[in-house]
Amino acid sequence: MAKFMCTHTIPPGKFSADQLRQFAQAAQQDPTVKGYRSFANLTVGKAVCVMEAPSKDAVAAWFTKMGMPFDSITQVELEGDRGSIQSA
């Protein structure tokens, strides 16, 4: 499956850490979309996540279904880890 990096602006106080944990668990149980990695700062209302899915539309539909606002969804071309870059 392709990977997509997603950005979110969340009104501060709208989601709790427990709610984000529930989103993460739901993404692991979905037959189409899988959560890969996420980062969030709920105090300032910003989150970034990487999702695996067959298409950008599938990711957008999942966020909409889950009530998670998103700013952008971009397919990953390159992936890096600790100084090593490779094709996604």
PDB file of N, CA and C in Angstrom:
ATOM      1  N   MET A   1       0.836  -1.186   0.000  1.00  0.00           N
ATOM      2  CA  MET A   1       0.000   0.000   0.000  1.00  0.00           C
ATOM      3  C   MET A   1       0.877   1.244   0.000  1.00  0.00           C
ATOM      4  N   ALA A   2       0.358   2.295  -0.572  1.00  0.00           N
ATOM      5  CA  ALA A   2       1.058   3.573  -0.590  1.00  0.00           C
ATOM      6  C   ALA A   2       0.969   4.228   0.784  1.00  0.00           C
ATOM      7  N   LYS A   3       1.933   5.110   1.058  1.00  0.00           N
ATOM      8  CA  LYS A   3       1.919   5.890   2.300  1.00  0.00           C
ATOM      9  C   LYS A   3       1.552   7.327   1.961  1.00  0.00           C
ATOM     10  N   PHE A   4       0.826   7.959   2.889  1.00  0.00           N
ATOM     11  CA  PHE A   4       0.396   9.343   2.728  1.00  0.00           C
ATOM     12  C   PHE A   4       0.710  10.107   4.000  1.00  0.00           C
ATOM     13  N   MET A   5       1.366  11.284   3.849  1.00  0.00           N
ATOM     14  CA  MET A   5       1.604  12.145   5.009  1.00  0.00           C
ATOM     15  C   MET A   5       0.454  13.134   5.071  1.00  0.00           C
ATOM     16  N   CYS A   6      -0.057  13.301   6.268  1.00  0.00           N
ATOM     17  CA  CYS A   6      -1.277  14.088   6.469  1.00  0.00           C
ATOM     18  C   CYS A   6      -1.034  15.128   7.553  1.00  0.00           C
ATOM     19  N   THR A   7      -1.534  16.332   7.304  1.00  0.00           N
ATOM     20  CA  THR A   7      -1.416  17.398   8.301  1.00  0.00           C
ATOM     21  C   THR A   7      -2.806  17.772   8.796  1.00  0.00           C
ATOM     22  N   HIS A   8      -2.854  18.135  10.059  1.00  0.00           N
ATOM     23  CA  HIS A   8      -4.129  18.456  10.706  1.00  0.00           C
ATOM     24  C   HIS A   8      -3.975  19.702  11.568  1.00  0.00           C
ATOM     25  N   THR A   9      -4.949  20.583  11.496  1.00  0.00           N
ATOM     26  CA  THR A   9      -5.089  21.672  12.452  1.00  0.00           C
ATOM     27  C   THR A   9      -6.339  21.352  13.255  1.00  0.00           C
ATOM     28  N   ILE A  10      -6.144  21.185  14.548  1.00  0.00           N
ATOM     29  CA  ILE A  10      -7.227  20.767  15.437  1.00  0.00           C
ATOM     30  C   ILE A  10      -7.457  21.878  16.458  1.00  0.00           C
ATOM     31  N   PRO A  11      -8.661  22.368  16.589  1.00  0.00           N
ATOM     32  CA  PRO A  11      -8.883  23.391  17.618  1.00  0.00           C
ATOM     33  C   PRO A  11      -8.408  22.878  18.986  1.00  0.00           C
ATOM     34  N   PRO A  12      -7.547  23.654  19.675  1.00  0.00           N
ATOM     35  CA  PRO A  12      -7.077  23.218  20.991  1.00  0.00           C
ATOM     36  C   PRO A  12      -8.252  22.828  21.891  1.00  0.00           C
ATOM     37  N   GLY A  13      -8.127  21.683  22.523  1.00  0.00           N
ATOM     38  CA  GLY A  13      -9.165  21.200  23.418  1.00  0.00           C
ATOM     39  C   GLY A  13     -10.238  20.358  22.746  1.00  0.00           C
ATOM     40  N   LYS A  14     -10.225  20.270  21.416  1.00  0.00           N
ATOM     41  CA  LYS A  14     -11.257  19.490  20.714  1.00  0.00           C
ATOM     42  C   LYS A  14     -11.062  17.988  20.927  1.00  0.00           C
ATOM     43  N   PHE A  15      -9.799  17.536  20.907  1.00  0.00           N
ATOM     44  CA  PHE A  15      -9.511  16.115  21.088  1.00  0.00           C
ATOM     45  C   PHE A  15      -8.591  15.921  22.285  1.00  0.00           C
ATOM     46  N   SER A  16      -8.811  14.846  23.001  1.00  0.00           N
ATOM     47  CA  SER A  16      -7.929  14.474  24.111  1.00  0.00           C
ATOM     48  C   SER A  16      -6.930  13.423  23.617  1.00  0.00           C
ATOM     49  N   ALA A  17      -5.912  13.178  24.419  1.00  0.00           N
ATOM     50  CA  ALA A  17      -4.953  12.126  24.100  1.00  0.00           C
ATOM     51  C   ALA A  17      -5.661  10.777  23.994  1.00  0.00           C
ATOM     52  N   ASP A  18      -6.646  10.535  24.850  1.00  0.00           N
ATOM     53  CA  ASP A  18      -7.392   9.272  24.781  1.00  0.00           C
ATOM     54  C   ASP A  18      -8.165   9.154  23.471  1.00  0.00           C
ATOM     55  N   GLN A  19      -8.737  10.256  22.996  1.00  0.00           N
ATOM     56  CA  GLN A  19      -9.449  10.215  21.712  1.00  0.00           C
ATOM     57  C   GLN A  19      -8.479   9.920  20.569  1.00  0.00           C
ATOM     58  N   LEU A  20      -7.281  10.500  20.624  1.00  0.00           N
ATOM     59  CA  LEU A  20      -6.297  10.206  19.576  1.00  0.00           C
ATOM     60  C   LEU A  20      -5.870   8.747  19.627  1.00  0.00           C
ATOM     61  N   ARG A  21      -5.766   8.191  20.823  1.00  0.00           N
ATOM     62  CA  ARG A  21      -5.456   6.762  20.945  1.00  0.00           C
ATOM     63  C   ARG A  21      -6.558   5.912  20.311  1.00  0.00           C
ATOM     64  N   GLN A  22      -7.809   6.328  20.498  1.00  0.00           N
ATOM     65  CA  GLN A  22      -8.934   5.619  19.881  1.00  0.00           C
ATOM     66  C   GLN A  22      -8.873   5.715  18.364  1.00  0.00           C
ATOM     67  N   PHE A  23      -8.516   6.890  17.813  1.00  0.00           N
ATOM     68  CA  PHE A  23      -8.343   7.026  16.369  1.00  0.00           C
ATOM     69  C   PHE A  23      -7.259   6.065  15.875  1.00  0.00           C
ATOM     70  N   ALA A  24      -6.141   6.025  16.609  1.00  0.00           N
ATOM     71  CA  ALA A  24      -5.029   5.162  16.212  1.00  0.00           C
ATOM     72  C   ALA A  24      -5.444   3.696  16.209  1.00  0.00           C
ATOM     73  N   GLN A  25      -6.185   3.285  17.225  1.00  0.00           N
ATOM     74  CA  GLN A  25      -6.665   1.897  17.272  1.00  0.00           C
ATOM     75  C   GLN A  25      -7.644   1.612  16.136  1.00  0.00           C
ATOM     76  N   ALA A  26      -8.532   2.559  15.861  1.00  0.00           N
ATOM     77  CA  ALA A  26      -9.501   2.384  14.774  1.00  0.00           C
ATOM     78  C   ALA A  26      -8.781   2.248  13.433  1.00  0.00           C
ATOM     79  N   ALA A  27      -7.695   2.990  13.246  1.00  0.00           N
ATOM     80  CA  ALA A  27      -6.943   2.910  11.995  1.00  0.00           C
ATOM     81  C   ALA A  27      -6.262   1.553  11.837  1.00  0.00           C
ATOM     82  N   GLN A  28      -5.932   0.913  12.933  1.00  0.00           N
ATOM     83  CA  GLN A  28      -5.317  -0.413  12.846  1.00  0.00           C
ATOM     84  C   GLN A  28      -6.344  -1.499  12.535  1.00  0.00           C
ATOM     85  N   GLN A  29      -7.597  -1.219  12.801  1.00  0.00           N
ATOM     86  CA  GLN A  29      -8.636  -2.221  12.601  1.00  0.00           C
ATOM     87  C   GLN A  29      -9.425  -2.017  11.312  1.00  0.00           C
ATOM     88  N   ASP A  30      -9.166  -0.917  10.611  1.00  0.00           N
ATOM     89  CA  ASP A  30      -9.882  -0.626   9.373  1.00  0.00           C
ATOM     90  C   ASP A  30      -9.372  -1.535   8.256  1.00  0.00           C
ATOM     91  N   PRO A  31     -10.258  -2.060   7.406  1.00  0.00           N
ATOM     92  CA  PRO A  31      -9.811  -2.952   6.336  1.00  0.00           C
ATOM     93  C   PRO A  31      -9.096  -2.232   5.185  1.00  0.00           C
ATOM     94  N   THR A  32      -9.236  -0.907   5.089  1.00  0.00           N
ATOM     95  CA  THR A  32      -8.676  -0.176   3.954  1.00  0.00           C
ATOM     96  C   THR A  32      -7.516   0.733   4.330  1.00  0.00           C
ATOM     97  N   VAL A  33      -7.611   1.416   5.457  1.00  0.00           N
ATOM     98  CA  VAL A  33      -6.628   2.416   5.882  1.00  0.00           C
ATOM     99  C   VAL A  33      -5.920   1.916   7.137  1.00  0.00           C
ATOM    100  N   LYS A  34      -4.601   2.085   7.175  1.00  0.00           N
ATOM    101  CA  LYS A  34      -3.824   1.700   8.365  1.00  0.00           C
ATOM    102  C   LYS A  34      -2.965   2.874   8.812  1.00  0.00           C
ATOM    103  N   GLY A  35      -2.981   3.141  10.097  1.00  0.00           N
ATOM    104  CA  GLY A  35      -2.090   4.155  10.648  1.00  0.00           C
ATOM    105  C   GLY A  35      -0.669   3.636  10.657  1.00  0.00           C
ATOM    106  N   TYR A  36       0.284   4.477  10.268  1.00  0.00           N
ATOM    107  CA  TYR A  36       1.692   4.089  10.221  1.00  0.00           C
ATOM    108  C   TYR A  36       2.483   4.780  11.324  1.00  0.00           C
ATOM    109  N   ARG A  37       2.302   6.100  11.448  1.00  0.00           N
ATOM    110  CA  ARG A  37       3.014   6.870  12.479  1.00  0.00           C
ATOM    111  C   ARG A  37       2.296   8.199  12.668  1.00  0.00           C
ATOM    112  N   SER A  38       2.353   8.751  13.870  1.00  0.00           N
ATOM    113  CA  SER A  38       1.705  10.043  14.104  1.00  0.00           C
ATOM    114  C   SER A  38       2.460  10.851  15.144  1.00  0.00           C
ATOM    115  N   PHE A  39       2.282  12.168  15.047  1.00  0.00           N
ATOM    116  CA  PHE A  39       2.871  13.132  15.965  1.00  0.00           C
ATOM    117  C   PHE A  39       1.807  14.182  16.238  1.00  0.00           C
ATOM    118  N   ALA A  40       1.668  14.614  17.469  1.00  0.00           N
ATOM    119  CA  ALA A  40       0.639  15.613  17.773  1.00  0.00           C
ATOM    120  C   ALA A  40       1.068  16.510  18.924  1.00  0.00           C
ATOM    121  N   ASN A  41       0.596  17.738  18.861  1.00  0.00           N
ATOM    122  CA  ASN A  41       0.689  18.667  19.976  1.00  0.00           C
ATOM    123  C   ASN A  41      -0.710  19.239  20.148  1.00  0.00           C
ATOM    124  N   LEU A  42      -1.451  18.675  21.079  1.00  0.00           N
ATOM    125  CA  LEU A  42      -2.841  19.077  21.275  1.00  0.00           C
ATOM    126  C   LEU A  42      -2.964  20.474  21.863  1.00  0.00           C
ATOM    127  N   THR A  43      -1.929  20.930  22.577  1.00  0.00           N
ATOM    128  CA  THR A  43      -1.955  22.258  23.172  1.00  0.00           C
ATOM    129  C   THR A  43      -2.024  23.341  22.099  1.00  0.00           C
ATOM    130  N   VAL A  44      -1.279  23.162  21.005  1.00  0.00           N
ATOM    131  CA  VAL A  44      -1.304  24.150  19.917  1.00  0.00           C
ATOM    132  C   VAL A  44      -2.212  23.720  18.767  1.00  0.00           C
ATOM    133  N   GLY A  45      -2.716  22.491  18.816  1.00  0.00           N
ATOM    134  CA  GLY A  45      -3.682  22.042  17.827  1.00  0.00           C
ATOM    135  C   GLY A  45      -3.092  21.632  16.492  1.00  0.00           C
ATOM    136  N   LYS A  46      -1.949  20.966  16.523  1.00  0.00           N
ATOM    137  CA  LYS A  46      -1.313  20.498  15.282  1.00  0.00           C
ATOM    138  C   LYS A  46      -1.007  19.004  15.385  1.00  0.00           C
ATOM    139  N   ALA A  47      -1.210  18.319  14.270  1.00  0.00           N
ATOM    140  CA  ALA A  47      -0.865  16.901  14.200  1.00  0.00           C
ATOM    141  C   ALA A  47      -0.388  16.573  12.799  1.00  0.00           C
ATOM    142  N   VAL A  48       0.513  15.600  12.724  1.00  0.00           N
ATOM    143  CA  VAL A  48       1.011  15.072  11.464  1.00  0.00           C
ATOM    144  C   VAL A  48       0.961  13.558  11.599  1.00  0.00           C
ATOM    145  N   CYS A  49       0.479  12.894  10.553  1.00  0.00           N
ATOM    146  CA  CYS A  49       0.481  11.438  10.608  1.00  0.00           C
ATOM    147  C   CYS A  49       0.815  10.875   9.236  1.00  0.00           C
ATOM    148  N   VAL A  50       1.236   9.638   9.238  1.00  0.00           N
ATOM    149  CA  VAL A  50       1.468   8.904   7.999  1.00  0.00           C
ATOM    150  C   VAL A  50       0.508   7.728   8.018  1.00  0.00           C
ATOM    151  N   MET A  51      -0.236   7.598   6.928  1.00  0.00           N
ATOM    152  CA  MET A  51      -1.227   6.534   6.794  1.00  0.00           C
ATOM    153  C   MET A  51      -0.873   5.676   5.590  1.00  0.00           C
ATOM    154  N   GLU A  52      -1.190   4.397   5.660  1.00  0.00           N
ATOM    155  CA  GLU A  52      -1.064   3.506   4.515  1.00  0.00           C
ATOM    156  C   GLU A  52      -2.468   3.257   3.973  1.00  0.00           C
ATOM    157  N   ALA A  53      -2.621   3.378   2.668  1.00  0.00           N
ATOM    158  CA  ALA A  53      -3.932   3.201   2.048  1.00  0.00           C
ATOM    159  C   ALA A  53      -3.748   3.021   0.540  1.00  0.00           C
ATOM    160  N   PRO A  54      -4.774   2.533  -0.133  1.00  0.00           N
ATOM    161  CA  PRO A  54      -4.667   2.372  -1.584  1.00  0.00           C
ATOM    162  C   PRO A  54      -4.727   3.694  -2.345  1.00  0.00           C
ATOM    163  N   SER A  55      -5.275   4.756  -1.725  1.00  0.00           N
ATOM    164  CA  SER A  55      -5.402   6.032  -2.433  1.00  0.00           C
ATOM    165  C   SER A  55      -5.570   7.185  -1.451  1.00  0.00           C
ATOM    166  N   LYS A  56      -5.328   8.386  -1.958  1.00  0.00           N
ATOM    167  CA  LYS A  56      -5.553   9.604  -1.188  1.00  0.00           C
ATOM    168  C   LYS A  56      -7.031   9.722  -0.813  1.00  0.00           C
ATOM    169  N   ASP A  57      -7.911   9.380  -1.764  1.00  0.00           N
ATOM    170  CA  ASP A  57      -9.352   9.454  -1.507  1.00  0.00           C
ATOM    171  C   ASP A  57      -9.772   8.539  -0.359  1.00  0.00           C
ATOM    172  N   ALA A  58      -9.140   7.373  -0.246  1.00  0.00           N
ATOM    173  CA  ALA A  58      -9.465   6.449   0.849  1.00  0.00           C
ATOM    174  C   ALA A  58      -9.093   7.058   2.195  1.00  0.00           C
ATOM    175  N   VAL A  59      -7.944   7.742   2.254  1.00  0.00           N
ATOM    176  CA  VAL A  59      -7.519   8.395   3.496  1.00  0.00           C
ATOM    177  C   VAL A  59      -8.491   9.528   3.838  1.00  0.00           C
ATOM    178  N   ALA A  60      -8.824  10.356   2.851  1.00  0.00           N
ATOM    179  CA  ALA A  60      -9.753  11.478   3.082  1.00  0.00           C
ATOM    180  C   ALA A  60     -11.103  10.964   3.567  1.00  0.00           C
ATOM    181  N   ALA A  61     -11.598   9.890   2.960  1.00  0.00           N
ATOM    182  CA  ALA A  61     -12.891   9.328   3.368  1.00  0.00           C
ATOM    183  C   ALA A  61     -12.827   8.816   4.802  1.00  0.00           C
ATOM    184  N   TRP A  62     -11.704   8.211   5.189  1.00  0.00           N
ATOM    185  CA  TRP A  62     -11.572   7.690   6.553  1.00  0.00           C
ATOM    186  C   TRP A  62     -11.551   8.835   7.567  1.00  0.00           C
ATOM    187  N   PHE A  63     -10.766   9.891   7.279  1.00  0.00           N
ATOM    188  CA  PHE A  63     -10.738  11.038   8.191  1.00  0.00           C
ATOM    189  C   PHE A  63     -12.126  11.652   8.326  1.00  0.00           C
ATOM    190  N   THR A  64     -12.831  11.780   7.222  1.00  0.00           N
ATOM    191  CA  THR A  64     -14.182  12.356   7.255  1.00  0.00           C
ATOM    192  C   THR A  64     -15.112  11.482   8.086  1.00  0.00           C
ATOM    193  N   LYS A  65     -15.052  10.181   7.868  1.00  0.00           N
ATOM    194  CA  LYS A  65     -15.889   9.234   8.629  1.00  0.00           C
ATOM    195  C   LYS A  65     -15.606   9.324  10.128  1.00  0.00           C
ATOM    196  N   MET A  66     -14.331   9.522  10.475  1.00  0.00           N
ATOM    197  CA  MET A  66     -13.925   9.558  11.880  1.00  0.00           C
ATOM    198  C   MET A  66     -14.085  10.939  12.518  1.00  0.00           C
ATOM    199  N   GLY A  67     -14.448  11.948  11.718  1.00  0.00           N
ATOM    200  CA  GLY A  67     -14.611  13.297  12.264  1.00  0.00           C
ATOM    201  C   GLY A  67     -13.292  13.989  12.566  1.00  0.00           C
ATOM    202  N   MET A  68     -12.225  13.590  11.857  1.00  0.00           N
ATOM    203  CA  MET A  68     -10.908  14.181  12.064  1.00  0.00           C
ATOM    204  C   MET A  68     -10.642  15.209  10.966  1.00  0.00           C
ATOM    205  N   PRO A  69     -10.535  16.498  11.321  1.00  0.00           N
ATOM    206  CA  PRO A  69     -10.242  17.499  10.296  1.00  0.00           C
ATOM    207  C   PRO A  69      -8.835  17.294   9.731  1.00  0.00           C
ATOM    208  N   PHE A  70      -8.651  17.632   8.455  1.00  0.00           N
ATOM    209  CA  PHE A  70      -7.317  17.535   7.864  1.00  0.00           C
ATOM    210  C   PHE A  70      -7.080  18.713   6.933  1.00  0.00           C
ATOM    211  N   ASP A  71      -5.814  19.132   6.863  1.00  0.00           N
ATOM    212  CA  ASP A  71      -5.408  20.229   5.996  1.00  0.00           C
ATOM    213  C   ASP A  71      -4.893  19.711   4.657  1.00  0.00           C
ATOM    214  N   SER A  72      -4.120  18.630   4.703  1.00  0.00           N
ATOM    215  CA  SER A  72      -3.534  18.098   3.475  1.00  0.00           C
ATOM    216  C   SER A  72      -3.289  16.602   3.601  1.00  0.00           C
ATOM    217  N   ILE A  73      -3.282  15.956   2.443  1.00  0.00           N
ATOM    218  CA  ILE A  73      -2.942  14.541   2.319  1.00  0.00           C
ATOM    219  C   ILE A  73      -2.039  14.445   1.089  1.00  0.00           C
ATOM    220  N   THR A  74      -0.797  14.018   1.279  1.00  0.00           N
ATOM    221  CA  THR A  74       0.193  13.980   0.206  1.00  0.00           C
ATOM    222  C   THR A  74       0.837  12.601   0.157  1.00  0.00           C
ATOM    223  N   GLN A  75       0.886  12.012  -1.036  1.00  0.00           N
ATOM    224  CA  GLN A  75       1.522  10.700  -1.155  1.00  0.00           C
ATOM    225  C   GLN A  75       3.019  10.824  -0.918  1.00  0.00           C
ATOM    226  N   VAL A  76       3.584   9.892  -0.188  1.00  0.00           N
ATOM    227  CA  VAL A  76       5.008   9.877   0.140  1.00  0.00           C
ATOM    228  C   VAL A  76       5.782   9.283  -1.038  1.00  0.00           C
ATOM    229  N   GLU A  77       6.835   9.997  -1.479  1.00  0.00           N
ATOM    230  CA  GLU A  77       7.734   9.485  -2.519  1.00  0.00           C
ATOM    231  C   GLU A  77       9.022   8.951  -1.917  1.00  0.00           C
ATOM    232  N   LEU A  78       9.515   9.651  -0.900  1.00  0.00           N
ATOM    233  CA  LEU A  78      10.768   9.278  -0.251  1.00  0.00           C
ATOM    234  C   LEU A  78      10.538   9.180   1.248  1.00  0.00           C
ATOM    235  N   GLU A  79      11.235   8.239   1.869  1.00  0.00           N
ATOM    236  CA  GLU A  79      11.112   8.052   3.313  1.00  0.00           C
ATOM    237  C   GLU A  79      12.503   8.006   3.921  1.00  0.00           C
ATOM    238  N   GLY A  80      12.683   8.758   4.995  1.00  0.00           N
ATOM    239  CA  GLY A  80      13.980   8.803   5.650  1.00  0.00           C
ATOM    240  C   GLY A  80      13.892   8.366   7.095  1.00  0.00           C
ATOM    241  N   ASP A  81      14.989   7.815   7.569  1.00  0.00           N
ATOM    242  CA  ASP A  81      15.081   7.420   8.964  1.00  0.00           C
ATOM    243  C   ASP A  81      16.528   7.524   9.400  1.00  0.00           C
ATOM    244  N   ARG A  82      16.786   8.440  10.323  1.00  0.00           N
ATOM    245  CA  ARG A  82      18.119   8.615  10.917  1.00  0.00           C
ATOM    246  C   ARG A  82      19.223   8.750   9.879  1.00  0.00           C
ATOM    247  N   GLY A  83      18.981   9.626   8.900  1.00  0.00           N
ATOM    248  CA  GLY A  83      20.000   9.953   7.901  1.00  0.00           C
ATOM    249  C   GLY A  83      19.986   9.093   6.663  1.00  0.00           C
ATOM    250  N   SER A  84      19.132   8.102   6.578  1.00  0.00           N
ATOM    251  CA  SER A  84      19.026   7.239   5.413  1.00  0.00           C
ATOM    252  C   SER A  84      17.731   7.543   4.668  1.00  0.00           C
ATOM    253  N   ILE A  85      17.835   7.857   3.361  1.00  0.00           N
ATOM    254  CA  ILE A  85      16.673   8.175   2.545  1.00  0.00           C
ATOM    255  C   ILE A  85      16.511   7.082   1.496  1.00  0.00           C
ATOM    256  N   GLN A  86      15.271   6.638   1.335  1.00  0.00           N
ATOM    257  CA  GLN A  86      14.994   5.608   0.309  1.00  0.00           C
ATOM    258  C   GLN A  86      13.641   5.873  -0.324  1.00  0.00           C
ATOM    259  N   SER A  87      13.403   5.262  -1.467  1.00  0.00           N
ATOM    260  CA  SER A  87      12.096   5.374  -2.119  1.00  0.00           C
ATOM    261  C   SER A  87      11.052   4.700  -1.251  1.00  0.00           C
ATOM    262  N   ALA A  88       9.878   5.313  -1.237  1.00  0.00           N
ATOM    263  CA  ALA A  88       8.784   4.767  -0.421  1.00  0.00           C
ATOM    264  C   ALA A  88       8.136   3.595  -1.122  1.00  0.00           C
TER     265      ALA A  88
END
